[in-house]
Amino acid sequence: MSPSFKRSAAKKLVFMITGNKYMGSLEGSIPVLVPALNWMETAEEIEDLFLGDAEVWRRSSIGQADPMGGDFPLITREGHNVLDVIFTSPIQSLDALL
């Protein structure tokens, strides 16, 4: 089952953050682990979800970061990419996105 199908079939979207990180809105940068094979598709889906309010960058392991991860994107031992969801404006209500 593809990640895209799982997301579209899901009845809820879940954000897990600790209490000390939630300030009444989402802002700053949040790391997201995604499978290496479909990372670009997942990044586009996240950007569509937060259209105009966030950028999605593939994290670089060394050197300068850029949206594609630079020359050396960070890939975990489990084969995941790390995407940084960078909020350009605070998200006051997650309900409004869904």
PDB file of N, CA and C in Angstrom:
ATOM      1  N   MET A   1       0.843  -1.168   0.000  1.00  0.00           N
ATOM      2  CA  MET A   1       0.000   0.000   0.000  1.00  0.00           C
ATOM      3  C   MET A   1       0.897   1.243   0.000  1.00  0.00           C
ATOM      4  N   SER A   2       0.680   2.128  -0.946  1.00  0.00           N
ATOM      5  CA  SER A   2       1.528   3.313  -1.074  1.00  0.00           C
ATOM      6  C   SER A   2       1.219   4.329   0.026  1.00  0.00           C
ATOM      7  N   PRO A   3       2.221   5.144   0.399  1.00  0.00           N
ATOM      8  CA  PRO A   3       1.977   6.181   1.411  1.00  0.00           C
ATOM      9  C   PRO A   3       0.871   7.141   0.992  1.00  0.00           C
ATOM     10  N   SER A   4       0.794   7.440  -0.306  1.00  0.00           N
ATOM     11  CA  SER A   4      -0.245   8.348  -0.800  1.00  0.00           C
ATOM     12  C   SER A   4      -1.633   7.761  -0.559  1.00  0.00           C
ATOM     13  N   PHE A   5      -1.783   6.470  -0.831  1.00  0.00           N
ATOM     14  CA  PHE A   5      -3.076   5.812  -0.614  1.00  0.00           C
ATOM     15  C   PHE A   5      -3.423   5.790   0.873  1.00  0.00           C
ATOM     16  N   LYS A   6      -2.426   5.491   1.704  1.00  0.00           N
ATOM     17  CA  LYS A   6      -2.669   5.456   3.154  1.00  0.00           C
ATOM     18  C   LYS A   6      -3.143   6.820   3.645  1.00  0.00           C
ATOM     19  N   ARG A   7      -2.498   7.889   3.160  1.00  0.00           N
ATOM     20  CA  ARG A   7      -2.870   9.229   3.606  1.00  0.00           C
ATOM     21  C   ARG A   7      -4.279   9.590   3.154  1.00  0.00           C
ATOM     22  N   SER A   8      -4.602   9.250   1.904  1.00  0.00           N
ATOM     23  CA  SER A   8      -5.931   9.598   1.414  1.00  0.00           C
ATOM     24  C   SER A   8      -7.015   8.741   2.061  1.00  0.00           C
ATOM     25  N   ALA A   9      -6.661   7.524   2.499  1.00  0.00           N
ATOM     26  CA  ALA A   9      -7.632   6.637   3.135  1.00  0.00           C
ATOM     27  C   ALA A   9      -7.795   6.941   4.626  1.00  0.00           C
ATOM     28  N   ALA A  10      -6.845   7.684   5.181  1.00  0.00           N
ATOM     29  CA  ALA A  10      -6.899   7.975   6.613  1.00  0.00           C
ATOM     30  C   ALA A  10      -8.067   8.899   6.930  1.00  0.00           C
ATOM     31  N   LYS A  11      -8.694   8.656   8.062  1.00  0.00           N
ATOM     32  CA  LYS A  11      -9.803   9.504   8.491  1.00  0.00           C
ATOM     33  C   LYS A  11      -9.316  10.705   9.295  1.00  0.00           C
ATOM     34  N   LYS A  12      -8.101  10.607   9.820  1.00  0.00           N
ATOM     35  CA  LYS A  12      -7.552  11.690  10.614  1.00  0.00           C
ATOM     36  C   LYS A  12      -6.087  11.889  10.260  1.00  0.00           C
ATOM     37  N   LEU A  13      -5.630  13.111  10.407  1.00  0.00           N
ATOM     38  CA  LEU A  13      -4.234  13.459  10.264  1.00  0.00           C
ATOM     39  C   LEU A  13      -3.720  13.734  11.671  1.00  0.00           C
ATOM     40  N   VAL A  14      -2.614  13.117  12.041  1.00  0.00           N
ATOM     41  CA  VAL A  14      -2.133  13.215  13.416  1.00  0.00           C
ATOM     42  C   VAL A  14      -0.806  13.963  13.453  1.00  0.00           C
ATOM     43  N   PHE A  15      -0.725  14.935  14.327  1.00  0.00           N
ATOM     44  CA  PHE A  15       0.506  15.638  14.611  1.00  0.00           C
ATOM     45  C   PHE A  15       0.899  15.292  16.035  1.00  0.00           C
ATOM     46  N   MET A  16       2.116  14.813  16.204  1.00  0.00           N
ATOM     47  CA  MET A  16       2.578  14.462  17.550  1.00  0.00           C
ATOM     48  C   MET A  16       3.670  15.446  17.957  1.00  0.00           C
ATOM     49  N   ILE A  17       3.365  16.249  18.954  1.00  0.00           N
ATOM     50  CA  ILE A  17       4.337  17.175  19.496  1.00  0.00           C
ATOM     51  C   ILE A  17       4.208  17.160  21.012  1.00  0.00           C
ATOM     52  N   THR A  18       5.303  17.455  21.686  1.00  0.00           N
ATOM     53  CA  THR A  18       5.270  17.478  23.145  1.00  0.00           C
ATOM     54  C   THR A  18       4.623  18.777  23.617  1.00  0.00           C
ATOM     55  N   GLY A  19       4.079  18.729  24.806  1.00  0.00           N
ATOM     56  CA  GLY A  19       3.372  19.875  25.363  1.00  0.00           C
ATOM     57  C   GLY A  19       4.204  21.137  25.425  1.00  0.00           C
ATOM     58  N   ASN A  20       5.499  20.994  25.702  1.00  0.00           N
ATOM     59  CA  ASN A  20       6.334  22.187  25.812  1.00  0.00           C
ATOM     60  C   ASN A  20       6.660  22.794  24.443  1.00  0.00           C
ATOM     61  N   LYS A  21       6.379  22.075  23.353  1.00  0.00           N
ATOM     62  CA  LYS A  21       6.615  22.599  22.009  1.00  0.00           C
ATOM     63  C   LYS A  21       5.382  23.292  21.428  1.00  0.00           C
ATOM     64  N   TYR A  22       4.201  22.952  21.930  1.00  0.00           N
ATOM     65  CA  TYR A  22       2.978  23.551  21.392  1.00  0.00           C
ATOM     66  C   TYR A  22       2.699  24.868  22.098  1.00  0.00           C
ATOM     67  N   MET A  23       2.629  25.929  21.320  1.00  0.00           N
ATOM     68  CA  MET A  23       2.435  27.262  21.873  1.00  0.00           C
ATOM     69  C   MET A  23       1.119  27.883  21.419  1.00  0.00           C
ATOM     70  N   GLY A  24       0.135  27.065  21.071  1.00  0.00           N
ATOM     71  CA  GLY A  24      -1.134  27.584  20.585  1.00  0.00           C
ATOM     72  C   GLY A  24      -1.161  27.730  19.078  1.00  0.00           C
ATOM     73  N   SER A  25      -0.019  27.478  18.433  1.00  0.00           N
ATOM     74  CA  SER A  25       0.057  27.487  16.973  1.00  0.00           C
ATOM     75  C   SER A  25       1.295  26.691  16.567  1.00  0.00           C
ATOM     76  N   LEU A  26       1.325  26.265  15.313  1.00  0.00           N
ATOM     77  CA  LEU A  26       2.511  25.603  14.787  1.00  0.00           C
ATOM     78  C   LEU A  26       3.359  26.639  14.083  1.00  0.00           C
ATOM     79  N   GLU A  27       4.636  26.672  14.414  1.00  0.00           N
ATOM     80  CA  GLU A  27       5.551  27.594  13.758  1.00  0.00           C
ATOM     81  C   GLU A  27       6.961  27.071  13.900  1.00  0.00           C
ATOM     82  N   GLY A  28       7.869  27.661  13.189  1.00  0.00           N
ATOM     83  CA  GLY A  28       9.248  27.194  13.208  1.00  0.00           C
ATOM     84  C   GLY A  28       9.438  26.058  12.224  1.00  0.00           C
ATOM     85  N   SER A  29      10.185  25.036  12.645  1.00  0.00           N
ATOM     86  CA  SER A  29      10.514  23.915  11.775  1.00  0.00           C
ATOM     87  C   SER A  29      10.210  22.602  12.483  1.00  0.00           C
ATOM     88  N   ILE A  30       9.613  21.668  11.751  1.00  0.00           N
ATOM     89  CA  ILE A  30       9.279  20.361  12.313  1.00  0.00           C
ATOM     90  C   ILE A  30       9.874  19.286  11.401  1.00  0.00           C
ATOM     91  N   PRO A  31      10.714  18.382  11.936  1.00  0.00           N
ATOM     92  CA  PRO A  31      11.265  17.305  11.103  1.00  0.00           C
ATOM     93  C   PRO A  31      10.227  16.202  10.884  1.00  0.00           C
ATOM     94  N   VAL A  32      10.233  15.640   9.670  1.00  0.00           N
ATOM     95  CA  VAL A  32       9.310  14.570   9.307  1.00  0.00           C
ATOM     96  C   VAL A  32      10.117  13.466   8.616  1.00  0.00           C
ATOM     97  N   LEU A  33      10.022  12.233   9.121  1.00  0.00           N
ATOM     98  CA  LEU A  33      10.687  11.087   8.483  1.00  0.00           C
ATOM     99  C   LEU A  33       9.800  10.533   7.386  1.00  0.00           C
ATOM    100  N   VAL A  34      10.385  10.300   6.207  1.00  0.00           N
ATOM    101  CA  VAL A  34       9.626   9.729   5.095  1.00  0.00           C
ATOM    102  C   VAL A  34      10.477   8.666   4.405  1.00  0.00           C
ATOM    103  N   PRO A  35       9.833   7.650   3.785  1.00  0.00           N
ATOM    104  CA  PRO A  35      10.590   6.635   3.050  1.00  0.00           C
ATOM    105  C   PRO A  35      11.398   7.286   1.926  1.00  0.00           C
ATOM    106  N   ALA A  36      12.598   6.775   1.701  1.00  0.00           N
ATOM    107  CA  ALA A  36      13.506   7.364   0.715  1.00  0.00           C
ATOM    108  C   ALA A  36      12.957   7.304  -0.704  1.00  0.00           C
ATOM    109  N   LEU A  37      12.252   6.244  -1.058  1.00  0.00           N
ATOM    110  CA  LEU A  37      11.804   6.079  -2.439  1.00  0.00           C
ATOM    111  C   LEU A  37      10.778   7.110  -2.877  1.00  0.00           C
ATOM    112  N   ASN A  38       9.881   7.500  -1.998  1.00  0.00           N
ATOM    113  CA  ASN A  38       8.805   8.428  -2.369  1.00  0.00           C
ATOM    114  C   ASN A  38       8.924   9.775  -1.680  1.00  0.00           C
ATOM    115  N   TRP A  39      10.117  10.178  -1.316  1.00  0.00           N
ATOM    116  CA  TRP A  39      10.255  11.384  -0.509  1.00  0.00           C
ATOM    117  C   TRP A  39       9.729  12.623  -1.239  1.00  0.00           C
ATOM    118  N   MET A  40       9.960  12.722  -2.551  1.00  0.00           N
ATOM    119  CA  MET A  40       9.549  13.921  -3.267  1.00  0.00           C
ATOM    120  C   MET A  40       8.020  14.012  -3.369  1.00  0.00           C
ATOM    121  N   GLU A  41       7.367  12.892  -3.589  1.00  0.00           N
ATOM    122  CA  GLU A  41       5.901  12.863  -3.640  1.00  0.00           C
ATOM    123  C   GLU A  41       5.320  13.273  -2.285  1.00  0.00           C
ATOM    124  N   THR A  42       5.914  12.742  -1.214  1.00  0.00           N
ATOM    125  CA  THR A  42       5.447  13.080   0.133  1.00  0.00           C
ATOM    126  C   THR A  42       5.679  14.560   0.423  1.00  0.00           C
ATOM    127  N   ALA A  43       6.827  15.084   0.014  1.00  0.00           N
ATOM    128  CA  ALA A  43       7.128  16.503   0.224  1.00  0.00           C
ATOM    129  C   ALA A  43       6.102  17.387  -0.486  1.00  0.00           C
ATOM    130  N   GLU A  44       5.725  17.002  -1.701  1.00  0.00           N
ATOM    131  CA  GLU A  44       4.726  17.777  -2.447  1.00  0.00           C
ATOM    132  C   GLU A  44       3.359  17.728  -1.762  1.00  0.00           C
ATOM    133  N   GLU A  45       2.995  16.575  -1.210  1.00  0.00           N
ATOM    134  CA  GLU A  45       1.720  16.459  -0.500  1.00  0.00           C
ATOM    135  C   GLU A  45       1.696  17.337   0.746  1.00  0.00           C
ATOM    136  N   ILE A  46       2.827  17.373   1.470  1.00  0.00           N
ATOM    137  CA  ILE A  46       2.910  18.228   2.663  1.00  0.00           C
ATOM    138  C   ILE A  46       2.814  19.695   2.251  1.00  0.00           C
ATOM    139  N   GLU A  47       3.529  20.075   1.185  1.00  0.00           N
ATOM    140  CA  GLU A  47       3.461  21.467   0.710  1.00  0.00           C
ATOM    141  C   GLU A  47       2.040  21.836   0.307  1.00  0.00           C
ATOM    142  N   ASP A  48       1.336  20.910  -0.356  1.00  0.00           N
ATOM    143  CA  ASP A  48      -0.050  21.173  -0.740  1.00  0.00           C
ATOM    144  C   ASP A  48      -0.944  21.363   0.486  1.00  0.00           C
ATOM    145  N   LEU A  49      -0.679  20.588   1.533  1.00  0.00           N
ATOM    146  CA  LEU A  49      -1.465  20.681   2.758  1.00  0.00           C
ATOM    147  C   LEU A  49      -1.318  22.053   3.411  1.00  0.00           C
ATOM    148  N   PHE A  50      -0.096  22.571   3.418  1.00  0.00           N
ATOM    149  CA  PHE A  50       0.194  23.854   4.061  1.00  0.00           C
ATOM    150  C   PHE A  50       0.440  24.957   3.034  1.00  0.00           C
ATOM    151  N   LEU A  51      -0.212  24.899   1.901  1.00  0.00           N
ATOM    152  CA  LEU A  51       0.009  25.798   0.778  1.00  0.00           C
ATOM    153  C   LEU A  51       0.136  27.254   1.223  1.00  0.00           C
ATOM    154  N   GLY A  52       1.296  27.832   0.955  1.00  0.00           N
ATOM    155  CA  GLY A  52       1.535  29.235   1.296  1.00  0.00           C
ATOM    156  C   GLY A  52       1.979  29.480   2.721  1.00  0.00           C
ATOM    157  N   ASP A  53       1.851  28.464   3.582  1.00  0.00           N
ATOM    158  CA  ASP A  53       2.209  28.644   4.993  1.00  0.00           C
ATOM    159  C   ASP A  53       3.475  27.900   5.398  1.00  0.00           C
ATOM    160  N   ALA A  54       3.999  27.038   4.502  1.00  0.00           N
ATOM    161  CA  ALA A  54       5.185  26.258   4.858  1.00  0.00           C
ATOM    162  C   ALA A  54       5.977  25.884   3.612  1.00  0.00           C
ATOM    163  N   GLU A  55       7.267  25.709   3.820  1.00  0.00           N
ATOM    164  CA  GLU A  55       8.162  25.168   2.803  1.00  0.00           C
ATOM    165  C   GLU A  55       8.638  23.819   3.303  1.00  0.00           C
ATOM    166  N   VAL A  56       8.937  22.910   2.384  1.00  0.00           N
ATOM    167  CA  VAL A  56       9.451  21.598   2.759  1.00  0.00           C
ATOM    168  C   VAL A  56      10.832  21.444   2.146  1.00  0.00           C
ATOM    169  N   TRP A  57      11.826  21.229   3.008  1.00  0.00           N
ATOM    170  CA  TRP A  57      13.199  21.040   2.561  1.00  0.00           C
ATOM    171  C   TRP A  57      13.670  19.662   2.979  1.00  0.00           C
ATOM    172  N   ARG A  58      14.388  19.013   2.097  1.00  0.00           N
ATOM    173  CA  ARG A  58      15.027  17.733   2.400  1.00  0.00           C
ATOM    174  C   ARG A  58      16.323  18.054   3.138  1.00  0.00           C
ATOM    175  N   ARG A  59      16.480  17.502   4.337  1.00  0.00           N
ATOM    176  CA  ARG A  59      17.623  17.847   5.183  1.00  0.00           C
ATOM    177  C   ARG A  59      18.930  17.312   4.600  1.00  0.00           C
ATOM    178  N   SER A  60      19.951  18.129   4.645  1.00  0.00           N
ATOM    179  CA  SER A  60      21.283  17.763   4.167  1.00  0.00           C
ATOM    180  C   SER A  60      22.092  17.181   5.313  1.00  0.00           C
ATOM    181  N   SER A  61      22.946  16.191   5.019  1.00  0.00           N
ATOM    182  CA  SER A  61      23.783  15.613   6.075  1.00  0.00           C
ATOM    183  C   SER A  61      25.008  16.478   6.346  1.00  0.00           C
ATOM    184  N   ILE A  62      25.515  17.143   5.312  1.00  0.00           N
ATOM    185  CA  ILE A  62      26.639  18.080   5.469  1.00  0.00           C
ATOM    186  C   ILE A  62      26.468  19.204   4.465  1.00  0.00           C
ATOM    187  N   GLY A  63      27.172  20.287   4.681  1.00  0.00           N
ATOM    188  CA  GLY A  63      27.148  21.386   3.728  1.00  0.00           C
ATOM    189  C   GLY A  63      25.876  22.204   3.798  1.00  0.00           C
ATOM    190  N   GLN A  64      25.646  22.952   2.742  1.00  0.00           N
ATOM    191  CA  GLN A  64      24.494  23.848   2.671  1.00  0.00           C
ATOM    192  C   GLN A  64      23.209  23.075   2.396  1.00  0.00           C
ATOM    193  N   ALA A  65      22.174  23.451   3.082  1.00  0.00           N
ATOM    194  CA  ALA A  65      20.858  22.845   2.848  1.00  0.00           C
ATOM    195  C   ALA A  65      20.171  23.573   1.695  1.00  0.00           C
ATOM    196  N   ASP A  66      19.313  22.850   1.014  1.00  0.00           N
ATOM    197  CA  ASP A  66      18.431  23.442   0.013  1.00  0.00           C
ATOM    198  C   ASP A  66      17.200  22.550  -0.083  1.00  0.00           C
ATOM    199  N   PRO A  67      16.183  22.942  -0.835  1.00  0.00           N
ATOM    200  CA  PRO A  67      14.966  22.131  -0.863  1.00  0.00           C
ATOM    201  C   PRO A  67      15.180  20.671  -1.274  1.00  0.00           C
ATOM    202  N   MET A  68      16.211  20.389  -2.067  1.00  0.00           N
ATOM    203  CA  MET A  68      16.457  19.024  -2.529  1.00  0.00           C
ATOM    204  C   MET A  68      17.454  18.267  -1.650  1.00  0.00           C
ATOM    205  N   GLY A  69      18.001  18.886  -0.631  1.00  0.00           N
ATOM    206  CA  GLY A  69      18.931  18.208   0.266  1.00  0.00           C
ATOM    207  C   GLY A  69      20.388  18.397  -0.074  1.00  0.00           C
ATOM    208  N   GLY A  70      20.682  19.195  -1.073  1.00  0.00           N
ATOM    209  CA  GLY A  70      22.066  19.439  -1.457  1.00  0.00           C
ATOM    210  C   GLY A  70      22.715  18.200  -2.051  1.00  0.00           C
ATOM    211  N   ASP A  71      24.032  18.178  -2.048  1.00  0.00           N
ATOM    212  CA  ASP A  71      24.773  17.060  -2.624  1.00  0.00           C
ATOM    213  C   ASP A  71      24.744  15.820  -1.743  1.00  0.00           C
ATOM    214  N   PHE A  72      24.487  16.001  -0.445  1.00  0.00           N
ATOM    215  CA  PHE A  72      24.524  14.883   0.495  1.00  0.00           C
ATOM    216  C   PHE A  72      23.283  14.887   1.385  1.00  0.00           C
ATOM    217  N   PRO A  73      22.130  14.447   0.864  1.00  0.00           N
ATOM    218  CA  PRO A  73      20.918  14.427   1.693  1.00  0.00           C
ATOM    219  C   PRO A  73      21.062  13.449   2.855  1.00  0.00           C
ATOM    220  N   LEU A  74      20.444  13.777   3.960  1.00  0.00           N
ATOM    221  CA  LEU A  74      20.480  12.932   5.145  1.00  0.00           C
ATOM    222  C   LEU A  74      19.538  11.738   4.948  1.00  0.00           C
ATOM    223  N   ILE A  75      20.093  10.537   5.035  1.00  0.00           N
ATOM    224  CA  ILE A  75      19.302   9.304   4.950  1.00  0.00           C
ATOM    225  C   ILE A  75      19.626   8.488   6.199  1.00  0.00           C
ATOM    226  N   THR A  76      18.592   8.119   6.938  1.00  0.00           N
ATOM    227  CA  THR A  76      18.786   7.370   8.179  1.00  0.00           C
ATOM    228  C   THR A  76      19.215   5.934   7.890  1.00  0.00           C
ATOM    229  N   ARG A  77      19.663   5.233   8.913  1.00  0.00           N
ATOM    230  CA  ARG A  77      20.044   3.821   8.761  1.00  0.00           C
ATOM    231  C   ARG A  77      18.884   2.967   8.268  1.00  0.00           C
ATOM    232  N   GLU A  78      17.674   3.395   8.592  1.00  0.00           N
ATOM    233  CA  GLU A  78      16.480   2.657   8.181  1.00  0.00           C
ATOM    234  C   GLU A  78      16.045   3.020   6.764  1.00  0.00           C
ATOM    235  N   GLY A  79      16.758   3.928   6.111  1.00  0.00           N
ATOM    236  CA  GLY A  79      16.448   4.300   4.737  1.00  0.00           C
ATOM    237  C   GLY A  79      15.435   5.422   4.593  1.00  0.00           C
ATOM    238  N   HIS A  80      15.264   6.224   5.640  1.00  0.00           N
ATOM    239  CA  HIS A  80      14.322   7.345   5.588  1.00  0.00           C
ATOM    240  C   HIS A  80      15.055   8.650   5.289  1.00  0.00           C
ATOM    241  N   ASN A  81      14.377   9.540   4.620  1.00  0.00           N
ATOM    242  CA  ASN A  81      14.838  10.911   4.455  1.00  0.00           C
ATOM    243  C   ASN A  81      14.223  11.738   5.576  1.00  0.00           C
ATOM    244  N   VAL A  82      14.881  12.821   5.915  1.00  0.00           N
ATOM    245  CA  VAL A  82      14.334  13.752   6.894  1.00  0.00           C
ATOM    246  C   VAL A  82      13.936  15.011   6.134  1.00  0.00           C
ATOM    247  N   LEU A  83      12.646  15.304   6.172  1.00  0.00           N
ATOM    248  CA  LEU A  83      12.141  16.540   5.579  1.00  0.00           C
ATOM    249  C   LEU A  83      11.899  17.536   6.699  1.00  0.00           C
ATOM    250  N   ASP A  84      12.299  18.763   6.482  1.00  0.00           N
ATOM    251  CA  ASP A  84      12.003  19.823   7.439  1.00  0.00           C
ATOM    252  C   ASP A  84      10.831  20.626   6.907  1.00  0.00           C
ATOM    253  N   VAL A  85       9.725  20.632   7.662  1.00  0.00           N
ATOM    254  CA  VAL A  85       8.573  21.464   7.326  1.00  0.00           C
ATOM    255  C   VAL A  85       8.812  22.794   8.038  1.00  0.00           C
ATOM    256  N   ILE A  86       9.084  23.821   7.250  1.00  0.00           N
ATOM    257  CA  ILE A  86       9.437  25.136   7.788  1.00  0.00           C
ATOM    258  C   ILE A  86       8.237  26.059   7.606  1.00  0.00           C
ATOM    259  N   PHE A  87       7.621  26.414   8.712  1.00  0.00           N
ATOM    260  CA  PHE A  87       6.428  27.253   8.663  1.00  0.00           C
ATOM    261  C   PHE A  87       6.828  28.703   8.439  1.00  0.00           C
ATOM    262  N   THR A  88       6.322  29.279   7.356  1.00  0.00           N
ATOM    263  CA  THR A  88       6.622  30.674   7.024  1.00  0.00           C
ATOM    264  C   THR A  88       5.664  31.635   7.707  1.00  0.00           C
ATOM    265  N   SER A  89       4.537  31.111   8.146  1.00  0.00           N
ATOM    266  CA  SER A  89       3.604  31.880   8.970  1.00  0.00           C
ATOM    267  C   SER A  89       2.963  30.896   9.947  1.00  0.00           C
ATOM    268  N   PRO A  90       2.678  31.334  11.156  1.00  0.00           N
ATOM    269  CA  PRO A  90       2.121  30.419  12.162  1.00  0.00           C
ATOM    270  C   PRO A  90       0.779  29.840  11.731  1.00  0.00           C
ATOM    271  N   ILE A  91       0.576  28.570  12.041  1.00  0.00           N
ATOM    272  CA  ILE A  91      -0.691  27.892  11.795  1.00  0.00           C
ATOM    273  C   ILE A  91      -1.464  27.948  13.108  1.00  0.00           C
ATOM    274  N   GLN A  92      -2.504  28.756  13.162  1.00  0.00           N
ATOM    275  CA  GLN A  92      -3.270  28.942  14.398  1.00  0.00           C
ATOM    276  C   GLN A  92      -4.213  27.785  14.679  1.00  0.00           C
ATOM    277  N   SER A  93      -4.779  27.188  13.623  1.00  0.00           N
ATOM    278  CA  SER A  93      -5.752  26.119  13.814  1.00  0.00           C
ATOM    279  C   SER A  93      -5.511  25.008  12.804  1.00  0.00           C
ATOM    280  N   LEU A  94      -5.190  23.816  13.305  1.00  0.00           N
ATOM    281  CA  LEU A  94      -5.009  22.676  12.416  1.00  0.00           C
ATOM    282  C   LEU A  94      -6.337  22.253  11.809  1.00  0.00           C
ATOM    283  N   ASP A  95      -7.437  22.484  12.520  1.00  0.00           N
ATOM    284  CA  ASP A  95      -8.759  22.137  11.991  1.00  0.00           C
ATOM    285  C   ASP A  95      -9.057  22.873  10.690  1.00  0.00           C
ATOM    286  N   ALA A  96      -8.556  24.078  10.552  1.00  0.00           N
ATOM    287  CA  ALA A  96      -8.826  24.871   9.360  1.00  0.00           C
ATOM    288  C   ALA A  96      -8.143  24.284   8.119  1.00  0.00           C
ATOM    289  N   LEU A  97      -7.088  23.488   8.331  1.00  0.00           N
ATOM    290  CA  LEU A  97      -6.367  22.890   7.213  1.00  0.00           C
ATOM    291  C   LEU A  97      -7.082  21.690   6.630  1.00  0.00           C
ATOM    292  N   LEU A  98      -7.864  21.020   7.451  1.00  0.00           N
ATOM    293  CA  LEU A  98      -8.441  19.745   7.029  1.00  0.00           C
ATOM    294  C   LEU A  98      -9.803  19.875   6.428  1.00  0.00           C
TER     295      LEU A  98
END
